[in-house]
Amino acid sequence: MPKMKTKKSATKRMKMSATGKVIRSQGGKAHLNNGKTRSRKRNLSGTTTIGSKQVTQTYARALQG
């Protein structure tokens, strides 16, 4: 049976933290920024973790390869 390939699009967009959570950057800041407040754009600049346990396990499998 061949090795499982890593999902390259997933590795470019997210990474695993030391505690096993999946970290991704927040979207919504690339364009159409005139209508957004300063504080909203500032809050979008950081990173966030991916929510539910089932989704986290799916992404973790994609990142491991």
C-alpha atoms as a PDB file:
ATOM      1  CA  MET A   1       0.000   0.000   0.000  1.00  0.00           C
ATOM      2  CA  PRO A   2       1.486   3.394  -0.941  1.00  0.00           C
ATOM      3  CA  LYS A   3       2.170   6.182   1.501  1.00  0.00           C
ATOM      4  CA  MET A   4      -0.548   8.776   2.112  1.00  0.00           C
ATOM      5  CA  LYS A   5       0.301  12.091   0.531  1.00  0.00           C
ATOM      6  CA  THR A   6       0.151  15.320   2.534  1.00  0.00           C
ATOM      7  CA  LYS A   7      -2.530  17.744   1.359  1.00  0.00           C
ATOM      8  CA  LYS A   8      -0.277  20.584   0.138  1.00  0.00           C
ATOM      9  CA  SER A   9      -3.051  23.197   0.183  1.00  0.00           C
ATOM     10  CA  ALA A  10      -3.641  22.422   3.871  1.00  0.00           C
ATOM     11  CA  THR A  11       0.045  22.730   4.788  1.00  0.00           C
ATOM     12  CA  LYS A  12       0.183  26.166   3.174  1.00  0.00           C
ATOM     13  CA  ARG A  13      -2.863  27.443   5.046  1.00  0.00           C
ATOM     14  CA  MET A  14      -2.586  25.963   8.522  1.00  0.00           C
ATOM     15  CA  LYS A  15      -0.239  24.312  10.998  1.00  0.00           C
ATOM     16  CA  MET A  16      -0.406  22.256  14.163  1.00  0.00           C
ATOM     17  CA  SER A  17       0.322  23.841  17.529  1.00  0.00           C
ATOM     18  CA  ALA A  18       2.393  22.124  20.204  1.00  0.00           C
ATOM     19  CA  THR A  19      -0.769  21.091  22.066  1.00  0.00           C
ATOM     20  CA  GLY A  20      -2.302  19.509  18.959  1.00  0.00           C
ATOM     21  CA  LYS A  21      -4.668  22.280  17.906  1.00  0.00           C
ATOM     22  CA  VAL A  22      -4.900  23.404  14.287  1.00  0.00           C
ATOM     23  CA  ILE A  23      -3.977  27.068  13.768  1.00  0.00           C
ATOM     24  CA  ARG A  24      -5.039  29.099  10.731  1.00  0.00           C
ATOM     25  CA  SER A  25      -4.910  32.757   9.753  1.00  0.00           C
ATOM     26  CA  GLN A  26      -8.177  34.658   9.606  1.00  0.00           C
ATOM     27  CA  GLY A  27      -9.645  35.623   6.277  1.00  0.00           C
ATOM     28  CA  GLY A  28     -11.584  38.691   5.239  1.00  0.00           C
ATOM     29  CA  LYS A  29      -8.794  41.241   5.066  1.00  0.00           C
ATOM     30  CA  ALA A  30      -7.591  41.009   1.482  1.00  0.00           C
ATOM     31  CA  HIS A  31     -10.048  43.406  -0.173  1.00  0.00           C
ATOM     32  CA  LEU A  32     -13.251  45.436   0.413  1.00  0.00           C
ATOM     33  CA  ASN A  33     -11.711  47.045   3.478  1.00  0.00           C
ATOM     34  CA  ASN A  34     -13.318  50.487   3.150  1.00  0.00           C
ATOM     35  CA  GLY A  35     -16.517  49.436   4.860  1.00  0.00           C
ATOM     36  CA  LYS A  36     -14.785  47.718   7.756  1.00  0.00           C
ATOM     37  CA  THR A  37     -13.906  49.534  10.952  1.00  0.00           C
ATOM     38  CA  ARG A  38     -10.341  49.838  12.195  1.00  0.00           C
ATOM     39  CA  SER A  39     -10.963  47.549  15.116  1.00  0.00           C
ATOM     40  CA  ARG A  40     -12.565  44.894  12.898  1.00  0.00           C
ATOM     41  CA  LYS A  41      -9.569  44.876  10.546  1.00  0.00           C
ATOM     42  CA  ARG A  42      -7.192  44.766  13.503  1.00  0.00           C
ATOM     43  CA  ASN A  43      -9.003  41.773  14.983  1.00  0.00           C
ATOM     44  CA  LEU A  44      -8.806  39.941  11.649  1.00  0.00           C
ATOM     45  CA  SER A  45      -5.023  40.251  11.531  1.00  0.00           C
ATOM     46  CA  GLY A  46      -4.228  37.469  13.987  1.00  0.00           C
ATOM     47  CA  THR A  47      -4.549  33.712  13.957  1.00  0.00           C
ATOM     48  CA  THR A  48      -7.267  31.466  15.332  1.00  0.00           C
ATOM     49  CA  THR A  49      -7.750  27.807  16.146  1.00  0.00           C
ATOM     50  CA  ILE A  50     -10.137  25.549  14.293  1.00  0.00           C
ATOM     51  CA  GLY A  51     -13.231  24.752  16.334  1.00  0.00           C
ATOM     52  CA  SER A  52     -14.720  21.316  16.808  1.00  0.00           C
ATOM     53  CA  LYS A  53     -12.789  18.175  17.631  1.00  0.00           C
ATOM     54  CA  GLN A  54     -13.999  16.271  14.578  1.00  0.00           C
ATOM     55  CA  VAL A  55     -12.886  19.024  12.181  1.00  0.00           C
ATOM     56  CA  THR A  56      -9.545  19.305  13.975  1.00  0.00           C
ATOM     57  CA  GLN A  57      -8.935  15.566  13.559  1.00  0.00           C
ATOM     58  CA  THR A  58      -9.756  15.771   9.844  1.00  0.00           C
ATOM     59  CA  TYR A  59      -7.291  18.613   9.284  1.00  0.00           C
ATOM     60  CA  ALA A  60      -4.654  16.946  11.435  1.00  0.00           C
ATOM     61  CA  ARG A  61      -4.880  13.847   9.229  1.00  0.00           C
ATOM     62  CA  ALA A  62      -4.487  16.003   6.110  1.00  0.00           C
ATOM     63  CA  LEU A  63      -1.404  17.727   7.550  1.00  0.00           C
ATOM     64  CA  GLN A  64       0.330  14.530   8.670  1.00  0.00           C
ATOM     65  CA  GLY A  65       0.341  12.799   5.323  1.00  0.00           C
END
